[in-house]
Amino acid sequence: MTPAADRTPASPECTLAAHPGYQDLHTDCRQTCDLPLPFALGILLQPRCGCPCHPYGSGSGSRGTPTPPAR
């Protein structure tokens, strides 16, 4: 199990999609990659979504293009 400090937070869309009736919002998540702060090394303006619904969010370390879950 990974410590809470090592986990990337979920996007607002995936956070809301965890609630009943909003599961379709996982497909609206656009935080599929880290967005670095321009001209700053190692500082992120927006981290990628850490939700396990994305293929890269499962902890496998792969950073491929995610496919949205089936509706």
Protein backbone atom coordinates (compact mmCIF):
# COMPACT_ATOMS: atom_id res chain seq x y z
CA MET A 1 0.00 0.00 0.00
CA THR A 2 1.33 3.43 -0.87
CA PRO A 3 1.47 6.21 1.71
CA ALA A 4 -1.08 9.00 1.33
CA ALA A 5 1.68 11.51 0.53
CA ASP A 6 2.79 9.47 -2.51
CA ARG A 7 -0.67 9.24 -4.08
CA THR A 8 -1.76 11.80 -6.66
CA PRO A 9 -5.18 13.31 -5.89
CA ALA A 10 -8.09 12.58 -8.18
CA SER A 11 -9.42 15.25 -10.53
CA PRO A 12 -12.65 17.07 -9.62
CA GLU A 13 -14.50 15.01 -12.24
CA CYS A 14 -13.28 11.68 -10.86
CA THR A 15 -13.93 12.80 -7.28
CA LEU A 16 -17.55 13.55 -8.13
CA ALA A 17 -17.81 10.35 -10.21
CA ALA A 18 -17.17 8.35 -7.03
CA HIS A 19 -20.68 9.30 -5.87
CA PRO A 20 -23.74 7.31 -6.97
CA GLY A 21 -25.36 8.66 -10.11
CA TYR A 22 -22.27 10.46 -11.38
CA GLN A 23 -20.17 7.50 -12.64
CA ASP A 24 -20.25 8.81 -16.23
CA LEU A 25 -18.07 11.78 -15.24
CA HIS A 26 -14.94 9.55 -15.36
CA THR A 27 -15.04 10.01 -19.15
CA ASP A 28 -14.92 13.81 -18.72
CA CYS A 29 -11.58 13.72 -16.86
CA ARG A 30 -8.93 15.56 -18.88
CA GLN A 31 -6.06 15.44 -16.36
CA THR A 32 -4.35 12.62 -18.23
CA CYS A 33 -0.78 13.86 -17.87
CA ASP A 34 1.28 16.08 -15.62
CA LEU A 35 1.17 19.76 -16.62
CA PRO A 36 4.48 21.38 -15.62
CA LEU A 37 4.80 24.99 -14.61
CA PRO A 38 6.51 26.82 -17.50
CA PHE A 39 10.20 27.57 -16.90
CA ALA A 40 10.21 25.70 -13.57
CA LEU A 41 11.91 22.33 -13.33
CA GLY A 42 10.07 19.76 -11.23
CA ILE A 43 7.14 21.99 -10.25
CA LEU A 44 3.72 20.93 -11.46
CA LEU A 45 0.98 23.38 -12.28
CA GLN A 46 -1.50 20.49 -12.40
CA PRO A 47 -0.72 16.84 -11.64
CA ARG A 48 -2.32 14.01 -13.58
CA CYS A 49 -5.40 12.42 -12.08
CA GLY A 50 -4.61 9.68 -9.57
CA CYS A 51 -7.96 7.95 -9.87
CA PRO A 52 -7.69 4.15 -10.26
CA CYS A 53 -10.24 4.27 -13.12
CA HIS A 54 -7.44 5.38 -15.45
CA PRO A 55 -4.96 2.75 -16.73
CA TYR A 56 -2.00 4.81 -15.47
CA GLY A 57 -3.62 5.37 -12.06
CA SER A 58 -3.37 1.72 -11.05
CA GLY A 59 0.23 2.12 -9.94
CA SER A 60 1.70 0.22 -12.88
CA GLY A 61 3.92 3.15 -13.79
CA SER A 62 2.89 3.18 -17.44
CA ARG A 63 2.14 6.61 -18.83
CA GLY A 64 0.30 5.70 -22.01
CA THR A 65 -2.81 7.32 -23.36
CA PRO A 66 -5.71 6.34 -21.13
CA THR A 67 -8.93 4.97 -22.50
CA PRO A 68 -12.13 6.09 -20.79
CA PRO A 69 -14.28 3.46 -19.11
CA ALA A 70 -17.23 2.09 -21.09
CA ARG A 71 -20.53 3.86 -20.53
